[in-house]
Amino acid sequence: IRSFTTLSEKMTPQELVDFLNDFFKRMTGPITQNKGFVDKFIGDAVMALFSIPEDPNSGDALNSVRAAIGMQEQVTSFNKDNDRTDDNLLRVGVGIHSGPVIIGTVGSEERMESTVTGDTVNLAARLEGLTKFYRSKMLISQTTHDLIQPESNIEFRELDLVQVKGKDEPVTIFEVCNSDPEPIREQKLGSRENFAEALKDFRSQKWTAAITKFKNCLKQCPED
């Protein structure tokens, strides 16, 4: 949840508990409907896994993105049901990465819990954090992107190449545009080719050409 600390400061303890219970109930629906399961709640965050042994990895990747789209739809519904508008809107960022994880029971004799850990988990968390920087609802790694078939109706655009904390190799990140409100979604998709060319120029250090193309993209979608 974006700006959760600011939100929580305005609530009584009981209001905060009720708020989180309502929020988590809405978030878990799309996860279970898309064959995922919630590993844990961490403060205001949900950590979910998508791994069905008999299904291919491409199915798990697609399920995770569809769940994230459903979660954003639930956020929109939450705002509508609670008359939240403008600066009071609830906003949520989602990060998705695909890869192997370690599942095990950790803790002490007094308290144990099953959890997942590993580089895949860390990168997904980093991507979620980057949604704040890019002001994006949903970021996925190239690994997840490459697993999803073109006919899946998921609308992507390559966003950047980033050096995330704890990783030596840069990671290509993609934005999922399905959850963006109209007409922002259409504007982003309309300028997608121009945006890709601008990225290419930027990486080739053709600064003037890159700036010109990025400005053209911004004219098409001022809120991008």
C-alpha atoms as a PDB file:
ATOM      1  CA  ILE A   1       0.000   0.000   0.000  1.00  0.00           C
ATOM      2  CA  ARG A   2       1.405   3.395  -0.969  1.00  0.00           C
ATOM      3  CA  SER A   3       1.851   5.911   1.868  1.00  0.00           C
ATOM      4  CA  PHE A   4       0.568   3.360   4.374  1.00  0.00           C
ATOM      5  CA  THR A   5       2.199   5.110   7.346  1.00  0.00           C
ATOM      6  CA  THR A   6       0.390   8.362   6.515  1.00  0.00           C
ATOM      7  CA  LEU A   7      -2.892   6.489   6.076  1.00  0.00           C
ATOM      8  CA  SER A   8      -2.555   4.579   9.345  1.00  0.00           C
ATOM      9  CA  GLU A   9      -1.763   7.707  11.394  1.00  0.00           C
ATOM     10  CA  LYS A  10      -5.282   8.999  10.677  1.00  0.00           C
ATOM     11  CA  MET A  11      -6.989   5.869  12.057  1.00  0.00           C
ATOM     12  CA  THR A  12      -7.735   4.496  15.485  1.00  0.00           C
ATOM     13  CA  PRO A  13      -6.259   1.033  16.189  1.00  0.00           C
ATOM     14  CA  GLN A  14      -9.653  -0.612  15.585  1.00  0.00           C
ATOM     15  CA  GLU A  15     -10.185   1.309  12.330  1.00  0.00           C
ATOM     16  CA  LEU A  16      -6.734   0.224  11.169  1.00  0.00           C
ATOM     17  CA  VAL A  17      -7.434  -3.451  11.908  1.00  0.00           C
ATOM     18  CA  ASP A  18     -10.802  -3.275  10.126  1.00  0.00           C
ATOM     19  CA  PHE A  19      -9.184  -1.482   7.184  1.00  0.00           C
ATOM     20  CA  LEU A  20      -6.448  -4.129   6.811  1.00  0.00           C
ATOM     21  CA  ASN A  21      -8.855  -7.048   7.176  1.00  0.00           C
ATOM     22  CA  ASP A  22     -11.092  -5.628   4.449  1.00  0.00           C
ATOM     23  CA  PHE A  23      -8.083  -4.919   2.236  1.00  0.00           C
ATOM     24  CA  PHE A  24      -6.488  -8.365   2.677  1.00  0.00           C
ATOM     25  CA  LYS A  25      -9.799 -10.125   2.071  1.00  0.00           C
ATOM     26  CA  ARG A  26     -10.123  -8.319  -1.256  1.00  0.00           C
ATOM     27  CA  MET A  27      -6.502  -9.024  -2.224  1.00  0.00           C
ATOM     28  CA  THR A  28      -6.571 -12.758  -1.530  1.00  0.00           C
ATOM     29  CA  GLY A  29      -9.594 -13.361  -3.810  1.00  0.00           C
ATOM     30  CA  PRO A  30      -7.790 -12.809  -7.145  1.00  0.00           C
ATOM     31  CA  ILE A  31      -4.775 -14.795  -5.877  1.00  0.00           C
ATOM     32  CA  THR A  32      -6.766 -17.950  -5.055  1.00  0.00           C
ATOM     33  CA  GLN A  33      -8.912 -17.558  -8.188  1.00  0.00           C
ATOM     34  CA  ASN A  34      -5.726 -17.686 -10.278  1.00  0.00           C
ATOM     35  CA  LYS A  35      -4.272 -20.798  -8.598  1.00  0.00           C
ATOM     36  CA  GLY A  36      -1.977 -18.942  -6.231  1.00  0.00           C
ATOM     37  CA  PHE A  37      -1.727 -19.035  -2.470  1.00  0.00           C
ATOM     38  CA  VAL A  38      -0.817 -16.442   0.127  1.00  0.00           C
ATOM     39  CA  ASP A  39       2.442 -17.238   1.880  1.00  0.00           C
ATOM     40  CA  LYS A  40       2.154 -14.447   4.430  1.00  0.00           C
ATOM     41  CA  PHE A  41       1.010 -10.935   5.234  1.00  0.00           C
ATOM     42  CA  ILE A  42       3.865  -8.564   6.077  1.00  0.00           C
ATOM     43  CA  GLY A  43       2.487  -5.358   7.582  1.00  0.00           C
ATOM     44  CA  ASP A  44       0.493  -3.873   4.705  1.00  0.00           C
ATOM     45  CA  ALA A  45       1.957  -6.272   2.096  1.00  0.00           C
ATOM     46  CA  VAL A  46       0.826  -9.609   0.670  1.00  0.00           C
ATOM     47  CA  MET A  47       3.364 -12.229  -0.410  1.00  0.00           C
ATOM     48  CA  ALA A  48       1.914 -14.817  -2.776  1.00  0.00           C
ATOM     49  CA  LEU A  49       3.242 -17.855  -4.642  1.00  0.00           C
ATOM     50  CA  PHE A  50       2.144 -19.414  -7.913  1.00  0.00           C
ATOM     51  CA  SER A  51       3.502 -22.890  -8.422  1.00  0.00           C
ATOM     52  CA  ILE A  52       1.494 -25.899  -9.524  1.00  0.00           C
ATOM     53  CA  PRO A  53       3.729 -28.974 -10.067  1.00  0.00           C
ATOM     54  CA  GLU A  54       1.757 -30.343 -13.033  1.00  0.00           C
ATOM     55  CA  ASP A  55       1.497 -26.943 -14.771  1.00  0.00           C
ATOM     56  CA  PRO A  56       4.274 -25.408 -16.908  1.00  0.00           C
ATOM     57  CA  ASN A  57       6.114 -22.336 -15.641  1.00  0.00           C
ATOM     58  CA  SER A  58       4.381 -20.276 -18.333  1.00  0.00           C
ATOM     59  CA  GLY A  59       1.041 -21.056 -16.687  1.00  0.00           C
ATOM     60  CA  ASP A  60       2.311 -19.955 -13.287  1.00  0.00           C
ATOM     61  CA  ALA A  61       3.691 -16.702 -14.731  1.00  0.00           C
ATOM     62  CA  LEU A  62       0.422 -15.897 -16.500  1.00  0.00           C
ATOM     63  CA  ASN A  63      -1.605 -16.735 -13.382  1.00  0.00           C
ATOM     64  CA  SER A  64       0.519 -14.390 -11.269  1.00  0.00           C
ATOM     65  CA  VAL A  65       0.045 -11.469 -13.684  1.00  0.00           C
ATOM     66  CA  ARG A  66      -3.695 -12.123 -13.999  1.00  0.00           C
ATOM     67  CA  ALA A  67      -3.941 -12.193 -10.208  1.00  0.00           C
ATOM     68  CA  ALA A  68      -2.127  -8.855  -9.997  1.00  0.00           C
ATOM     69  CA  ILE A  69      -4.545  -7.340 -12.534  1.00  0.00           C
ATOM     70  CA  GLY A  70      -7.441  -8.668 -10.438  1.00  0.00           C
ATOM     71  CA  MET A  71      -5.897  -7.177  -7.305  1.00  0.00           C
ATOM     72  CA  GLN A  72      -5.712  -3.755  -8.947  1.00  0.00           C
ATOM     73  CA  GLU A  73      -9.380  -4.107  -9.914  1.00  0.00           C
ATOM     74  CA  GLN A  74     -10.125  -4.807  -6.258  1.00  0.00           C
ATOM     75  CA  VAL A  75      -8.251  -1.638  -5.265  1.00  0.00           C
ATOM     76  CA  THR A  76     -10.480   0.343  -7.630  1.00  0.00           C
ATOM     77  CA  SER A  77     -13.527  -1.330  -6.064  1.00  0.00           C
ATOM     78  CA  PHE A  78     -12.225  -0.582  -2.549  1.00  0.00           C
ATOM     79  CA  ASN A  79     -11.851   3.117  -3.399  1.00  0.00           C
ATOM     80  CA  LYS A  80     -15.347   3.241  -4.857  1.00  0.00           C
ATOM     81  CA  ASP A  81     -16.951   1.426  -1.910  1.00  0.00           C
ATOM     82  CA  ASN A  82     -15.228   3.712   0.599  1.00  0.00           C
ATOM     83  CA  ASP A  83     -15.788   6.967  -1.331  1.00  0.00           C
ATOM     84  CA  ARG A  84     -12.058   7.536  -1.703  1.00  0.00           C
ATOM     85  CA  THR A  85     -11.177  10.146  -4.311  1.00  0.00           C
ATOM     86  CA  ASP A  86      -8.243  12.260  -5.520  1.00  0.00           C
ATOM     87  CA  ASP A  87      -5.493  12.510  -2.863  1.00  0.00           C
ATOM     88  CA  ASN A  88      -7.322  10.003  -0.647  1.00  0.00           C
ATOM     89  CA  LEU A  89      -7.205   7.172  -3.218  1.00  0.00           C
ATOM     90  CA  LEU A  90      -5.753   3.874  -2.047  1.00  0.00           C
ATOM     91  CA  ARG A  91      -2.833   2.872  -4.300  1.00  0.00           C
ATOM     92  CA  VAL A  92      -1.010  -0.438  -4.438  1.00  0.00           C
ATOM     93  CA  GLY A  93       2.174  -1.555  -6.212  1.00  0.00           C
ATOM     94  CA  VAL A  94       2.854  -5.140  -7.351  1.00  0.00           C
ATOM     95  CA  GLY A  95       6.208  -6.726  -8.247  1.00  0.00           C
ATOM     96  CA  ILE A  96       6.455 -10.142  -9.943  1.00  0.00           C
ATOM     97  CA  HIS A  97       9.462 -12.353 -10.678  1.00  0.00           C
ATOM     98  CA  SER A  98       9.669 -16.008 -11.748  1.00  0.00           C
ATOM     99  CA  GLY A  99      12.302 -18.477 -10.579  1.00  0.00           C
ATOM    100  CA  PRO A 100      13.234 -21.154  -8.047  1.00  0.00           C
ATOM    101  CA  VAL A 101      12.541 -20.554  -4.366  1.00  0.00           C
ATOM    102  CA  ILE A 102      13.503 -22.362  -1.176  1.00  0.00           C
ATOM    103  CA  ILE A 103      10.518 -23.464   0.907  1.00  0.00           C
ATOM    104  CA  GLY A 104      11.197 -24.474   4.476  1.00  0.00           C
ATOM    105  CA  THR A 105      10.241 -24.192   8.120  1.00  0.00           C
ATOM    106  CA  VAL A 106      12.199 -21.597  10.057  1.00  0.00           C
ATOM    107  CA  GLY A 107      12.173 -20.169  13.553  1.00  0.00           C
ATOM    108  CA  SER A 108      12.907 -21.389  17.056  1.00  0.00           C
ATOM    109  CA  GLU A 109      11.463 -23.960  19.451  1.00  0.00           C
ATOM    110  CA  GLU A 110       9.002 -21.334  20.692  1.00  0.00           C
ATOM    111  CA  ARG A 111       7.730 -20.321  17.254  1.00  0.00           C
ATOM    112  CA  MET A 112       8.058 -21.902  13.816  1.00  0.00           C
ATOM    113  CA  GLU A 113       6.587 -20.991  10.446  1.00  0.00           C
ATOM    114  CA  SER A 114       6.835 -22.190   6.870  1.00  0.00           C
ATOM    115  CA  THR A 115       8.125 -19.607   4.442  1.00  0.00           C
ATOM    116  CA  VAL A 116       9.923 -19.102   1.143  1.00  0.00           C
ATOM    117  CA  THR A 117      13.241 -17.381   0.623  1.00  0.00           C
ATOM    118  CA  GLY A 118      15.954 -16.937  -1.951  1.00  0.00           C
ATOM    119  CA  ASP A 119      17.023 -14.600  -4.734  1.00  0.00           C
ATOM    120  CA  THR A 120      13.696 -14.902  -6.583  1.00  0.00           C
ATOM    121  CA  VAL A 121      11.772 -13.651  -3.545  1.00  0.00           C
ATOM    122  CA  ASN A 122      14.192 -10.759  -3.035  1.00  0.00           C
ATOM    123  CA  LEU A 123      13.957  -9.610  -6.648  1.00  0.00           C
ATOM    124  CA  ALA A 124      10.137  -9.669  -6.585  1.00  0.00           C
ATOM    125  CA  ALA A 125      10.275  -7.457  -3.478  1.00  0.00           C
ATOM    126  CA  ARG A 126      12.725  -5.072  -5.175  1.00  0.00           C
ATOM    127  CA  LEU A 127      10.412  -4.768  -8.186  1.00  0.00           C
ATOM    128  CA  GLU A 128       7.499  -3.925  -5.906  1.00  0.00           C
ATOM    129  CA  GLY A 129       9.619  -1.169  -4.368  1.00  0.00           C
ATOM    130  CA  LEU A 130      10.471   0.185  -7.827  1.00  0.00           C
ATOM    131  CA  THR A 131       6.780   0.703  -8.623  1.00  0.00           C
ATOM    132  CA  LYS A 132       6.986   3.795  -6.390  1.00  0.00           C
ATOM    133  CA  PHE A 133       9.910   5.217  -8.360  1.00  0.00           C
ATOM    134  CA  TYR A 134       8.341   4.570 -11.775  1.00  0.00           C
ATOM    135  CA  ARG A 135       4.836   5.443 -10.518  1.00  0.00           C
ATOM    136  CA  SER A 136       3.626   2.191 -12.017  1.00  0.00           C
ATOM    137  CA  LYS A 137       0.957  -0.153 -10.707  1.00  0.00           C
ATOM    138  CA  MET A 138       2.737  -3.327 -11.770  1.00  0.00           C
ATOM    139  CA  LEU A 139       6.318  -4.259 -12.676  1.00  0.00           C
ATOM    140  CA  ILE A 140       7.521  -7.678 -13.794  1.00  0.00           C
ATOM    141  CA  SER A 141      10.950  -9.070 -14.578  1.00  0.00           C
ATOM    142  CA  GLN A 142      12.092 -10.170 -18.010  1.00  0.00           C
ATOM    143  CA  THR A 143      11.996 -13.776 -16.783  1.00  0.00           C
ATOM    144  CA  THR A 144       8.256 -13.501 -16.105  1.00  0.00           C
ATOM    145  CA  HIS A 145       7.701 -11.540 -19.321  1.00  0.00           C
ATOM    146  CA  ASP A 146       9.441 -14.172 -21.463  1.00  0.00           C
ATOM    147  CA  LEU A 147       7.319 -16.991 -20.008  1.00  0.00           C
ATOM    148  CA  ILE A 148       4.026 -15.376 -21.029  1.00  0.00           C
ATOM    149  CA  GLN A 149       2.693 -16.159 -24.493  1.00  0.00           C
ATOM    150  CA  PRO A 150       1.889 -13.234 -26.855  1.00  0.00           C
ATOM    151  CA  GLU A 151      -1.751 -14.337 -27.226  1.00  0.00           C
ATOM    152  CA  SER A 152      -2.409 -13.971 -23.479  1.00  0.00           C
ATOM    153  CA  ASN A 153      -3.835 -10.404 -23.862  1.00  0.00           C
ATOM    154  CA  ILE A 154      -1.364  -9.031 -21.312  1.00  0.00           C
ATOM    155  CA  GLU A 155      -0.268  -5.542 -22.367  1.00  0.00           C
ATOM    156  CA  PHE A 156       3.427  -4.934 -21.692  1.00  0.00           C
ATOM    157  CA  ARG A 157       5.980  -2.317 -22.434  1.00  0.00           C
ATOM    158  CA  GLU A 158       9.680  -2.498 -21.631  1.00  0.00           C
ATOM    159  CA  LEU A 159      10.417   0.219 -19.096  1.00  0.00           C
ATOM    160  CA  ASP A 160      14.064   0.184 -18.100  1.00  0.00           C
ATOM    161  CA  LEU A 161      17.230  -1.714 -17.291  1.00  0.00           C
ATOM    162  CA  VAL A 162      17.896  -1.451 -13.560  1.00  0.00           C
ATOM    163  CA  GLN A 163      20.600  -2.421 -11.102  1.00  0.00           C
ATOM    164  CA  VAL A 164      18.648  -3.628  -8.082  1.00  0.00           C
ATOM    165  CA  LYS A 165      20.169  -3.820  -4.631  1.00  0.00           C
ATOM    166  CA  GLY A 166      21.944  -7.116  -4.031  1.00  0.00           C
ATOM    167  CA  LYS A 167      22.199  -8.052  -7.747  1.00  0.00           C
ATOM    168  CA  ASP A 168      25.374  -7.775  -9.833  1.00  0.00           C
ATOM    169  CA  GLU A 169      23.625  -8.101 -13.198  1.00  0.00           C
ATOM    170  CA  PRO A 170      21.171  -5.430 -14.379  1.00  0.00           C
ATOM    171  CA  VAL A 171      17.552  -6.549 -14.743  1.00  0.00           C
ATOM    172  CA  THR A 172      15.194  -5.616 -17.583  1.00  0.00           C
ATOM    173  CA  ILE A 173      11.819  -4.596 -16.194  1.00  0.00           C
ATOM    174  CA  PHE A 174       8.449  -4.404 -17.922  1.00  0.00           C
ATOM    175  CA  GLU A 175       5.313  -2.511 -17.007  1.00  0.00           C
ATOM    176  CA  VAL A 176       1.910  -4.206 -17.279  1.00  0.00           C
ATOM    177  CA  CYS A 177      -0.578  -1.641 -18.587  1.00  0.00           C
ATOM    178  CA  ASN A 178      -3.841  -3.620 -18.287  1.00  0.00           C
ATOM    179  CA  SER A 179      -4.784  -1.985 -14.966  1.00  0.00           C
ATOM    180  CA  ASP A 180      -4.135   1.604 -15.986  1.00  0.00           C
ATOM    181  CA  PRO A 181      -7.279   3.732 -16.208  1.00  0.00           C
ATOM    182  CA  GLU A 182      -8.551   4.815 -19.594  1.00  0.00           C
ATOM    183  CA  PRO A 183      -7.402   6.831 -21.475  1.00  0.00           C
ATOM    184  CA  ILE A 184      -3.914   6.496 -19.887  1.00  0.00           C
ATOM    185  CA  ARG A 185      -3.752   2.846 -20.894  1.00  0.00           C
ATOM    186  CA  GLU A 186      -4.590   3.594 -24.528  1.00  0.00           C
ATOM    187  CA  GLN A 187      -2.139   6.499 -24.603  1.00  0.00           C
ATOM    188  CA  LYS A 188       0.711   4.371 -23.227  1.00  0.00           C
ATOM    189  CA  LEU A 189      -0.006   1.565 -25.701  1.00  0.00           C
ATOM    190  CA  GLY A 190      -0.284   4.082 -28.526  1.00  0.00           C
ATOM    191  CA  SER A 191       3.186   5.450 -27.810  1.00  0.00           C
ATOM    192  CA  ARG A 192       4.751   2.061 -27.040  1.00  0.00           C
ATOM    193  CA  GLU A 193       6.800   1.818 -30.260  1.00  0.00           C
ATOM    194  CA  ASN A 194       8.039   5.387 -29.921  1.00  0.00           C
ATOM    195  CA  PHE A 195       8.927   4.682 -26.276  1.00  0.00           C
ATOM    196  CA  ALA A 196      10.912   1.566 -27.310  1.00  0.00           C
ATOM    197  CA  GLU A 197      12.828   3.591 -29.909  1.00  0.00           C
ATOM    198  CA  ALA A 198      13.553   6.270 -27.309  1.00  0.00           C
ATOM    199  CA  LEU A 199      14.926   3.606 -24.945  1.00  0.00           C
ATOM    200  CA  LYS A 200      17.130   2.265 -27.746  1.00  0.00           C
ATOM    201  CA  ASP A 201      18.503   5.744 -28.476  1.00  0.00           C
ATOM    202  CA  PHE A 202      19.045   6.350 -24.759  1.00  0.00           C
ATOM    203  CA  ARG A 203      21.085   3.151 -24.416  1.00  0.00           C
ATOM    204  CA  SER A 204      23.102   4.103 -27.507  1.00  0.00           C
ATOM    205  CA  GLN A 205      23.817   7.472 -25.839  1.00  0.00           C
ATOM    206  CA  LYS A 206      21.974   9.343 -28.600  1.00  0.00           C
ATOM    207  CA  TRP A 207      20.729  11.800 -26.030  1.00  0.00           C
ATOM    208  CA  THR A 208      19.032  14.387 -28.250  1.00  0.00           C
ATOM    209  CA  ALA A 209      17.082  11.779 -30.232  1.00  0.00           C
ATOM    210  CA  ALA A 210      16.073   9.981 -27.025  1.00  0.00           C
ATOM    211  CA  ILE A 211      14.867  13.184 -25.333  1.00  0.00           C
ATOM    212  CA  THR A 212      12.851  14.194 -28.398  1.00  0.00           C
ATOM    213  CA  LYS A 213      11.100  10.812 -28.560  1.00  0.00           C
ATOM    214  CA  PHE A 214      10.440  10.688 -24.817  1.00  0.00           C
ATOM    215  CA  LYS A 215       8.908  14.183 -24.999  1.00  0.00           C
ATOM    216  CA  ASN A 216       6.674  12.995 -27.838  1.00  0.00           C
ATOM    217  CA  CYS A 217       5.541  10.103 -25.648  1.00  0.00           C
ATOM    218  CA  LEU A 218       4.803  12.561 -22.859  1.00  0.00           C
ATOM    219  CA  LYS A 219       2.683  14.676 -25.225  1.00  0.00           C
ATOM    220  CA  GLN A 220       0.607  11.571 -25.986  1.00  0.00           C
ATOM    221  CA  CYS A 221       0.242  10.702 -22.315  1.00  0.00           C
ATOM    222  CA  PRO A 222       0.919  13.676 -19.992  1.00  0.00           C
ATOM    223  CA  GLU A 223       0.327  11.506 -16.895  1.00  0.00           C
ATOM    224  CA  ASP A 224       2.956   8.947 -17.892  1.00  0.00           C
END
